[in-house]
Amino acid sequence: MRILKYIDKISEWSGIVAAWLIIPLTAVIVNEVVKRYVFNSPTKWGYDTSWMLYSALFALGGAYVLLHKRHVRIDIVYNVLPPRGKAIFDMLFYLVIFLPVVALMTREGIRFAIAAWAVNEKLSTTIWFFPAGPVKTIIPISFFLLGLQGLAELIRSIIAVKKGAKS
């Protein structure tokens, strides 16, 4: 199906964007370590920047990880199922558990981000007081992308159930 290819491309792209965040994350951490331990002069922004970059990397990579089937799975039951049984299991999981939870998290993430932007919320983990809106906006974006890939996986499972095998 054409829509599945588009969703997969979006997930692939989001994973690539997330992977590139490792470069500024590494630069920030190396800078902080050098300033802190070599020059005894830590930055006021290093900690906040590093956790924001890591959070974005982790969250935005979720759809990519799901696309490539790299999420943790408890295989005790799943591995003993025949291919059609795996497809039914996946279909039920995405339909009953995964997509409702991801939809809820997307909706609440949107509300969370809107509230942060509306009041010009500042993060107070350090004295830098960075605006919270940009970081909190990543939450609904990430869950939306994860849900989109989950929808693609649900469709694949339905097709596999109809065909009688896991695709």
N, C-alpha and C. Protein backbone atom coordinates (compact mmCIF):
# COMPACT_ATOMS: atom_id res chain seq x y z
N MET A 1 0.83 -1.19 0.00
CA MET A 1 0.00 0.00 0.00
C MET A 1 0.88 1.25 0.00
N ARG A 2 0.43 2.21 -0.73
CA ARG A 2 1.19 3.44 -0.89
C ARG A 2 1.31 4.22 0.43
N ILE A 3 0.22 4.27 1.20
CA ILE A 3 0.24 5.03 2.47
C ILE A 3 1.27 4.46 3.45
N LEU A 4 1.43 3.14 3.44
CA LEU A 4 2.42 2.52 4.33
C LEU A 4 3.83 2.97 3.97
N LYS A 5 4.11 3.10 2.68
CA LYS A 5 5.43 3.57 2.25
C LYS A 5 5.68 5.00 2.71
N TYR A 6 4.64 5.84 2.64
CA TYR A 6 4.79 7.23 3.09
C TYR A 6 5.04 7.31 4.59
N ILE A 7 4.27 6.53 5.34
CA ILE A 7 4.46 6.52 6.80
C ILE A 7 5.86 6.02 7.14
N ASP A 8 6.30 4.95 6.46
CA ASP A 8 7.64 4.42 6.70
C ASP A 8 8.72 5.45 6.39
N LYS A 9 8.52 6.23 5.32
CA LYS A 9 9.50 7.27 4.97
C LYS A 9 9.54 8.36 6.05
N ILE A 10 8.38 8.72 6.59
CA ILE A 10 8.34 9.72 7.66
C ILE A 10 9.09 9.19 8.88
N SER A 11 8.85 7.93 9.23
CA SER A 11 9.53 7.34 10.39
C SER A 11 11.03 7.23 10.15
N GLU A 12 11.42 6.86 8.94
CA GLU A 12 12.84 6.78 8.60
C GLU A 12 13.48 8.16 8.73
N TRP A 13 12.81 9.17 8.21
CA TRP A 13 13.31 10.54 8.26
C TRP A 13 13.44 11.02 9.70
N SER A 14 12.41 10.74 10.52
CA SER A 14 12.48 11.20 11.92
C SER A 14 13.62 10.53 12.66
N GLY A 15 13.91 9.27 12.32
CA GLY A 15 15.05 8.58 12.93
C GLY A 15 16.38 9.18 12.52
N ILE A 16 16.47 9.58 11.27
CA ILE A 16 17.70 10.21 10.78
C ILE A 16 17.92 11.56 11.46
N VAL A 17 16.85 12.34 11.58
CA VAL A 17 16.95 13.63 12.28
C VAL A 17 17.38 13.40 13.72
N ALA A 18 16.76 12.43 14.37
CA ALA A 18 17.11 12.13 15.76
C ALA A 18 18.57 11.71 15.88
N ALA A 19 19.03 10.89 14.95
CA ALA A 19 20.41 10.41 15.01
C ALA A 19 21.41 11.57 14.88
N TRP A 20 21.08 12.57 14.10
CA TRP A 20 21.99 13.71 13.94
C TRP A 20 22.10 14.54 15.21
N LEU A 21 21.14 14.40 16.10
CA LEU A 21 21.21 15.14 17.37
C LEU A 21 22.36 14.66 18.26
N ILE A 22 22.91 13.50 17.95
CA ILE A 22 24.02 12.98 18.75
C ILE A 22 25.26 13.87 18.60
N ILE A 23 25.40 14.55 17.47
CA ILE A 23 26.57 15.41 17.25
C ILE A 23 26.55 16.63 18.18
N PRO A 24 25.48 17.43 18.18
CA PRO A 24 25.50 18.55 19.15
C PRO A 24 25.48 18.06 20.60
N LEU A 25 24.82 16.93 20.86
CA LEU A 25 24.82 16.39 22.22
C LEU A 25 26.24 16.06 22.68
N THR A 26 26.98 15.40 21.82
CA THR A 26 28.37 15.05 22.14
C THR A 26 29.20 16.32 22.34
N ALA A 27 29.01 17.30 21.46
CA ALA A 27 29.76 18.55 21.58
C ALA A 27 29.47 19.26 22.90
N VAL A 28 28.20 19.29 23.29
CA VAL A 28 27.82 19.95 24.54
C VAL A 28 28.44 19.23 25.74
N ILE A 29 28.38 17.90 25.73
CA ILE A 29 28.92 17.14 26.87
C ILE A 29 30.44 17.26 26.94
N VAL A 30 31.12 17.17 25.81
CA VAL A 30 32.58 17.32 25.81
C VAL A 30 32.95 18.72 26.29
N ASN A 31 32.25 19.73 25.80
CA ASN A 31 32.50 21.11 26.23
C ASN A 31 32.33 21.24 27.74
N GLU A 32 31.23 20.68 28.25
CA GLU A 32 30.96 20.78 29.69
C GLU A 32 32.03 20.06 30.52
N VAL A 33 32.43 18.88 30.08
CA VAL A 33 33.44 18.12 30.82
C VAL A 33 34.77 18.87 30.83
N VAL A 34 35.18 19.40 29.69
CA VAL A 34 36.44 20.14 29.61
C VAL A 34 36.38 21.39 30.49
N LYS A 35 35.30 22.16 30.36
CA LYS A 35 35.20 23.37 31.16
C LYS A 35 35.14 23.07 32.66
N ARG A 36 34.42 22.01 33.01
CA ARG A 36 34.25 21.68 34.43
C ARG A 36 35.54 21.12 35.03
N TYR A 37 36.17 20.16 34.36
CA TYR A 37 37.28 19.44 34.98
C TYR A 37 38.67 19.96 34.60
N VAL A 38 38.77 20.62 33.45
CA VAL A 38 40.08 21.16 33.07
C VAL A 38 40.21 22.61 33.55
N PHE A 39 39.16 23.41 33.33
CA PHE A 39 39.23 24.82 33.67
C PHE A 39 38.49 25.19 34.96
N ASN A 40 37.87 24.20 35.61
CA ASN A 40 37.10 24.42 36.83
C ASN A 40 36.09 25.56 36.68
N SER A 41 35.43 25.57 35.51
CA SER A 41 34.48 26.63 35.20
C SER A 41 33.28 26.05 34.44
N PRO A 42 32.39 25.32 35.13
CA PRO A 42 31.25 24.71 34.44
C PRO A 42 30.31 25.76 33.85
N THR A 43 29.61 25.37 32.82
CA THR A 43 28.66 26.29 32.18
C THR A 43 27.35 26.29 32.96
N LYS A 44 26.53 27.30 32.70
CA LYS A 44 25.20 27.37 33.30
C LYS A 44 24.16 26.68 32.42
N TRP A 45 24.54 26.37 31.21
CA TRP A 45 23.59 25.84 30.24
C TRP A 45 23.87 24.40 29.81
N GLY A 46 25.00 23.83 30.18
CA GLY A 46 25.40 22.51 29.70
C GLY A 46 24.46 21.38 30.10
N TYR A 47 24.07 21.37 31.36
CA TYR A 47 23.18 20.30 31.84
C TYR A 47 21.83 20.35 31.12
N ASP A 48 21.20 21.53 31.10
CA ASP A 48 19.90 21.66 30.44
C ASP A 48 19.97 21.29 28.96
N THR A 49 20.98 21.80 28.30
CA THR A 49 21.12 21.53 26.87
C THR A 49 21.30 20.05 26.60
N SER A 50 22.11 19.40 27.41
CA SER A 50 22.36 17.97 27.18
C SER A 50 21.11 17.13 27.42
N TRP A 51 20.33 17.40 28.45
CA TRP A 51 19.14 16.57 28.66
C TRP A 51 18.07 16.88 27.64
N MET A 52 18.01 18.13 27.17
CA MET A 52 17.02 18.46 26.13
C MET A 52 17.36 17.76 24.81
N LEU A 53 18.64 17.78 24.45
CA LEU A 53 19.06 17.10 23.21
C LEU A 53 18.86 15.59 23.32
N TYR A 54 19.21 15.02 24.46
CA TYR A 54 19.04 13.58 24.62
C TYR A 54 17.55 13.21 24.61
N SER A 55 16.73 14.00 25.26
CA SER A 55 15.30 13.73 25.27
C SER A 55 14.72 13.78 23.86
N ALA A 56 15.13 14.77 23.09
CA ALA A 56 14.66 14.87 21.70
C ALA A 56 15.14 13.68 20.88
N LEU A 57 16.40 13.31 21.06
CA LEU A 57 16.96 12.16 20.34
C LEU A 57 16.17 10.90 20.67
N PHE A 58 15.94 10.65 21.93
CA PHE A 58 15.23 9.47 22.39
C PHE A 58 13.78 9.47 21.90
N ALA A 59 13.09 10.58 22.07
CA ALA A 59 11.67 10.65 21.72
C ALA A 59 11.43 10.61 20.22
N LEU A 60 12.20 11.38 19.47
CA LEU A 60 12.00 11.43 18.02
C LEU A 60 12.44 10.15 17.33
N GLY A 61 13.26 9.35 17.99
CA GLY A 61 13.70 8.09 17.40
C GLY A 61 12.72 6.94 17.57
N GLY A 62 11.65 7.15 18.32
CA GLY A 62 10.70 6.07 18.62
C GLY A 62 10.04 5.46 17.41
N ALA A 63 9.58 6.28 16.48
CA ALA A 63 8.91 5.76 15.29
C ALA A 63 9.89 4.98 14.42
N TYR A 64 11.11 5.47 14.32
CA TYR A 64 12.16 4.77 13.57
C TYR A 64 12.42 3.39 14.17
N VAL A 65 12.50 3.34 15.49
CA VAL A 65 12.76 2.07 16.18
C VAL A 65 11.60 1.10 15.95
N LEU A 66 10.38 1.60 15.99
CA LEU A 66 9.21 0.75 15.73
C LEU A 66 9.22 0.25 14.28
N LEU A 67 9.56 1.12 13.35
CA LEU A 67 9.64 0.74 11.94
C LEU A 67 10.59 -0.43 11.74
N HIS A 68 11.72 -0.39 12.42
CA HIS A 68 12.74 -1.43 12.26
C HIS A 68 12.62 -2.55 13.28
N LYS A 69 11.50 -2.55 14.01
CA LYS A 69 11.17 -3.61 14.98
C LYS A 69 12.30 -3.84 15.99
N ARG A 70 12.75 -2.75 16.60
CA ARG A 70 13.84 -2.82 17.57
C ARG A 70 13.39 -2.52 18.99
N HIS A 71 12.08 -2.32 19.20
CA HIS A 71 11.59 -2.12 20.56
C HIS A 71 11.71 -3.42 21.34
N VAL A 72 11.78 -3.30 22.64
CA VAL A 72 11.85 -4.46 23.51
C VAL A 72 10.51 -5.18 23.47
N ARG A 73 10.57 -6.49 23.34
CA ARG A 73 9.36 -7.30 23.31
C ARG A 73 9.58 -8.50 24.21
N ILE A 74 8.56 -8.84 24.98
CA ILE A 74 8.65 -10.04 25.81
C ILE A 74 8.20 -11.20 24.93
N ASP A 75 9.15 -12.04 24.57
CA ASP A 75 8.92 -13.06 23.55
C ASP A 75 8.50 -14.42 24.08
N ILE A 76 8.19 -14.53 25.35
CA ILE A 76 7.84 -15.84 25.92
C ILE A 76 6.65 -16.45 25.17
N VAL A 77 5.61 -15.68 24.97
CA VAL A 77 4.42 -16.16 24.28
C VAL A 77 4.55 -15.95 22.77
N TYR A 78 5.01 -14.78 22.40
CA TYR A 78 5.04 -14.38 20.99
C TYR A 78 5.83 -15.37 20.13
N ASN A 79 6.99 -15.81 20.61
CA ASN A 79 7.85 -16.68 19.80
C ASN A 79 7.27 -18.06 19.53
N VAL A 80 6.36 -18.54 20.37
CA VAL A 80 5.79 -19.87 20.15
C VAL A 80 4.56 -19.83 19.25
N LEU A 81 4.10 -18.63 18.92
CA LEU A 81 2.93 -18.50 18.06
C LEU A 81 3.29 -18.76 16.59
N PRO A 82 2.36 -19.33 15.83
CA PRO A 82 2.59 -19.46 14.39
C PRO A 82 2.51 -18.07 13.75
N PRO A 83 2.95 -17.92 12.51
CA PRO A 83 2.95 -16.59 11.86
C PRO A 83 1.59 -15.88 11.91
N ARG A 84 0.50 -16.60 11.66
CA ARG A 84 -0.82 -15.97 11.71
C ARG A 84 -1.16 -15.56 13.15
N GLY A 85 -0.78 -16.36 14.11
CA GLY A 85 -1.00 -16.02 15.52
C GLY A 85 -0.24 -14.77 15.91
N LYS A 86 0.99 -14.62 15.41
CA LYS A 86 1.77 -13.40 15.67
C LYS A 86 1.07 -12.19 15.08
N ALA A 87 0.52 -12.35 13.88
CA ALA A 87 -0.18 -11.24 13.23
C ALA A 87 -1.42 -10.86 14.02
N ILE A 88 -2.16 -11.83 14.52
CA ILE A 88 -3.35 -11.55 15.33
C ILE A 88 -2.94 -10.87 16.63
N PHE A 89 -1.89 -11.38 17.28
CA PHE A 89 -1.38 -10.78 18.51
C PHE A 89 -1.00 -9.32 18.27
N ASP A 90 -0.23 -9.07 17.20
CA ASP A 90 0.18 -7.70 16.87
C ASP A 90 -1.03 -6.82 16.60
N MET A 91 -1.99 -7.32 15.84
CA MET A 91 -3.18 -6.55 15.50
C MET A 91 -3.92 -6.14 16.78
N LEU A 92 -4.13 -7.09 17.66
CA LEU A 92 -4.83 -6.79 18.91
C LEU A 92 -4.04 -5.83 19.78
N PHE A 93 -2.73 -6.02 19.85
CA PHE A 93 -1.88 -5.14 20.65
C PHE A 93 -1.98 -3.70 20.14
N TYR A 94 -1.80 -3.50 18.83
CA TYR A 94 -1.84 -2.14 18.28
C TYR A 94 -3.22 -1.52 18.44
N LEU A 95 -4.26 -2.30 18.23
CA LEU A 95 -5.63 -1.80 18.28
C LEU A 95 -6.10 -1.51 19.70
N VAL A 96 -5.83 -2.41 20.63
CA VAL A 96 -6.38 -2.30 21.99
C VAL A 96 -5.47 -1.52 22.95
N ILE A 97 -4.18 -1.68 22.82
CA ILE A 97 -3.27 -1.07 23.79
C ILE A 97 -2.48 0.10 23.20
N PHE A 98 -1.72 -0.17 22.17
CA PHE A 98 -0.74 0.79 21.66
C PHE A 98 -1.39 2.09 21.16
N LEU A 99 -2.27 1.99 20.18
CA LEU A 99 -2.83 3.20 19.58
C LEU A 99 -3.67 4.04 20.55
N PRO A 100 -4.50 3.42 21.41
CA PRO A 100 -5.20 4.27 22.39
C PRO A 100 -4.26 5.02 23.34
N VAL A 101 -3.22 4.35 23.80
CA VAL A 101 -2.27 5.00 24.71
C VAL A 101 -1.52 6.12 23.98
N VAL A 102 -1.07 5.85 22.77
CA VAL A 102 -0.34 6.86 22.01
C VAL A 102 -1.25 8.05 21.67
N ALA A 103 -2.51 7.78 21.34
CA ALA A 103 -3.46 8.88 21.07
C ALA A 103 -3.66 9.74 22.32
N LEU A 104 -3.81 9.10 23.46
CA LEU A 104 -3.96 9.82 24.73
C LEU A 104 -2.72 10.66 25.02
N MET A 105 -1.54 10.07 24.86
CA MET A 105 -0.30 10.80 25.12
C MET A 105 -0.10 11.96 24.15
N THR A 106 -0.52 11.78 22.90
CA THR A 106 -0.42 12.87 21.92
C THR A 106 -1.34 14.01 22.34
N ARG A 107 -2.59 13.68 22.67
CA ARG A 107 -3.56 14.70 23.07
C ARG A 107 -3.08 15.44 24.32
N GLU A 108 -2.66 14.71 25.33
CA GLU A 108 -2.21 15.35 26.56
C GLU A 108 -0.90 16.11 26.34
N GLY A 109 -0.04 15.59 25.46
CA GLY A 109 1.20 16.29 25.13
C GLY A 109 0.94 17.62 24.46
N ILE A 110 -0.09 17.65 23.62
CA ILE A 110 -0.48 18.92 22.98
C ILE A 110 -0.94 19.92 24.04
N ARG A 111 -1.78 19.46 24.94
CA ARG A 111 -2.25 20.34 26.02
C ARG A 111 -1.08 20.83 26.88
N PHE A 112 -0.17 19.93 27.19
CA PHE A 112 1.02 20.24 27.98
C PHE A 112 1.87 21.31 27.30
N ALA A 113 2.10 21.13 26.00
CA ALA A 113 2.92 22.08 25.24
C ALA A 113 2.22 23.44 25.09
N ILE A 114 0.92 23.41 24.79
CA ILE A 114 0.17 24.67 24.66
C ILE A 114 0.22 25.47 25.95
N ALA A 115 0.07 24.79 27.07
CA ALA A 115 0.12 25.48 28.37
C ALA A 115 1.50 26.09 28.60
N ALA A 116 2.55 25.38 28.22
CA ALA A 116 3.91 25.91 28.40
C ALA A 116 4.13 27.16 27.55
N TRP A 117 3.65 27.13 26.31
CA TRP A 117 3.78 28.30 25.43
C TRP A 117 2.92 29.46 25.93
N ALA A 118 1.70 29.15 26.39
CA ALA A 118 0.74 30.19 26.78
C ALA A 118 1.24 31.03 27.95
N VAL A 119 1.88 30.39 28.91
CA VAL A 119 2.35 31.13 30.09
C VAL A 119 3.84 31.46 30.02
N ASN A 120 4.45 31.17 28.89
CA ASN A 120 5.88 31.40 28.71
C ASN A 120 6.67 30.71 29.82
N GLU A 121 6.31 29.44 30.06
CA GLU A 121 6.95 28.66 31.13
C GLU A 121 8.46 28.56 30.90
N LYS A 122 9.18 28.64 31.99
CA LYS A 122 10.64 28.50 31.96
C LYS A 122 11.04 27.25 32.74
N LEU A 123 12.07 26.57 32.26
CA LEU A 123 12.60 25.41 32.96
C LEU A 123 13.49 25.89 34.09
N SER A 124 13.36 25.30 35.25
CA SER A 124 14.13 25.78 36.40
C SER A 124 15.08 24.72 36.95
N THR A 125 15.56 23.84 36.07
CA THR A 125 16.51 22.83 36.54
C THR A 125 17.86 23.45 36.87
N THR A 126 18.19 24.53 36.19
CA THR A 126 19.42 25.28 36.49
C THR A 126 19.07 26.77 36.45
N ILE A 127 20.05 27.61 36.60
CA ILE A 127 19.77 29.05 36.58
C ILE A 127 19.66 29.62 35.17
N TRP A 128 19.68 28.78 34.17
CA TRP A 128 19.57 29.24 32.79
C TRP A 128 18.14 29.66 32.45
N PHE A 129 17.13 29.00 33.00
CA PHE A 129 15.71 29.29 32.78
C PHE A 129 15.32 29.33 31.30
N PHE A 130 15.63 28.23 30.62
CA PHE A 130 15.30 28.08 29.20
C PHE A 130 13.79 27.95 29.03
N PRO A 131 13.22 28.51 27.95
CA PRO A 131 11.78 28.35 27.71
C PRO A 131 11.40 26.87 27.57
N ALA A 132 10.31 26.47 28.22
CA ALA A 132 9.88 25.07 28.22
C ALA A 132 9.09 24.69 26.97
N GLY A 133 8.50 25.66 26.29
CA GLY A 133 7.66 25.38 25.13
C GLY A 133 8.31 24.52 24.06
N PRO A 134 9.51 24.86 23.59
CA PRO A 134 10.12 24.04 22.54
C PRO A 134 10.35 22.59 22.96
N VAL A 135 10.81 22.38 24.16
CA VAL A 135 11.08 21.03 24.63
C VAL A 135 9.78 20.25 24.80
N LYS A 136 8.78 20.89 25.37
CA LYS A 136 7.50 20.22 25.60
C LYS A 136 6.74 19.97 24.30
N THR A 137 7.05 20.71 23.24
CA THR A 137 6.43 20.49 21.94
C THR A 137 6.91 19.19 21.32
N ILE A 138 8.10 18.77 21.67
CA ILE A 138 8.63 17.50 21.13
C ILE A 138 7.79 16.32 21.61
N ILE A 139 7.17 16.42 22.76
CA ILE A 139 6.38 15.32 23.31
C ILE A 139 5.23 14.93 22.38
N PRO A 140 4.31 15.84 22.03
CA PRO A 140 3.23 15.41 21.14
C PRO A 140 3.70 15.06 19.73
N ILE A 141 4.73 15.73 19.26
CA ILE A 141 5.26 15.40 17.93
C ILE A 141 5.76 13.96 17.93
N SER A 142 6.51 13.61 18.95
CA SER A 142 7.07 12.26 19.03
C SER A 142 5.98 11.20 19.15
N PHE A 143 4.99 11.45 19.99
CA PHE A 143 3.91 10.47 20.13
C PHE A 143 3.07 10.38 18.86
N PHE A 144 2.89 11.50 18.17
CA PHE A 144 2.16 11.46 16.90
C PHE A 144 2.91 10.61 15.88
N LEU A 145 4.21 10.82 15.76
CA LEU A 145 5.02 10.02 14.83
C LEU A 145 4.99 8.54 15.21
N LEU A 146 5.07 8.25 16.49
CA LEU A 146 5.00 6.87 16.97
C LEU A 146 3.64 6.26 16.64
N GLY A 147 2.58 7.04 16.85
CA GLY A 147 1.24 6.56 16.53
C GLY A 147 1.04 6.33 15.05
N LEU A 148 1.62 7.18 14.24
CA LEU A 148 1.53 7.02 12.78
C LEU A 148 2.18 5.71 12.36
N GLN A 149 3.36 5.43 12.91
CA GLN A 149 4.03 4.17 12.58
C GLN A 149 3.26 2.99 13.16
N GLY A 150 2.67 3.16 14.33
CA GLY A 150 1.84 2.12 14.93
C GLY A 150 0.63 1.81 14.06
N LEU A 151 0.05 2.84 13.47
CA LEU A 151 -1.07 2.64 12.54
C LEU A 151 -0.63 1.83 11.32
N ALA A 152 0.55 2.13 10.82
CA ALA A 152 1.09 1.36 9.69
C ALA A 152 1.30 -0.10 10.09
N GLU A 153 1.79 -0.32 11.30
CA GLU A 153 2.00 -1.69 11.76
C GLU A 153 0.67 -2.42 11.97
N LEU A 154 -0.35 -1.70 12.43
CA LEU A 154 -1.68 -2.29 12.56
C LEU A 154 -2.21 -2.71 11.19
N ILE A 155 -2.07 -1.85 10.21
CA ILE A 155 -2.53 -2.18 8.85
C ILE A 155 -1.78 -3.40 8.33
N ARG A 156 -0.48 -3.45 8.55
CA ARG A 156 0.31 -4.62 8.12
C ARG A 156 -0.18 -5.90 8.81
N SER A 157 -0.51 -5.78 10.09
CA SER A 157 -1.00 -6.95 10.83
C SER A 157 -2.34 -7.42 10.29
N ILE A 158 -3.22 -6.48 9.98
CA ILE A 158 -4.53 -6.82 9.42
C ILE A 158 -4.36 -7.52 8.07
N ILE A 159 -3.48 -7.00 7.25
CA ILE A 159 -3.19 -7.62 5.94
C ILE A 159 -2.65 -9.03 6.15
N ALA A 160 -1.74 -9.17 7.11
CA ALA A 160 -1.15 -10.50 7.39
C ALA A 160 -2.20 -11.48 7.89
N VAL A 161 -3.12 -11.02 8.72
CA VAL A 161 -4.19 -11.90 9.22
C VAL A 161 -5.07 -12.34 8.06
N LYS A 162 -5.39 -11.42 7.18
CA LYS A 162 -6.23 -11.75 6.02
C LYS A 162 -5.53 -12.73 5.08
N LYS A 163 -4.22 -12.55 4.91
CA LYS A 163 -3.44 -13.43 4.03
C LYS A 163 -3.12 -14.76 4.71
N GLY A 164 -3.18 -14.76 6.04
CA GLY A 164 -2.90 -16.00 6.77
C GLY A 164 -1.46 -16.17 7.18
N ALA A 165 -0.64 -15.13 7.04
CA ALA A 165 0.77 -15.22 7.43
C ALA A 165 1.25 -13.86 7.89
N LYS A 166 2.35 -13.82 8.58
CA LYS A 166 2.94 -12.57 9.06
C LYS A 166 3.83 -11.99 7.95
N SER A 167 3.53 -10.74 7.56
CA SER A 167 4.36 -10.12 6.52
C SER A 167 5.48 -9.33 7.11
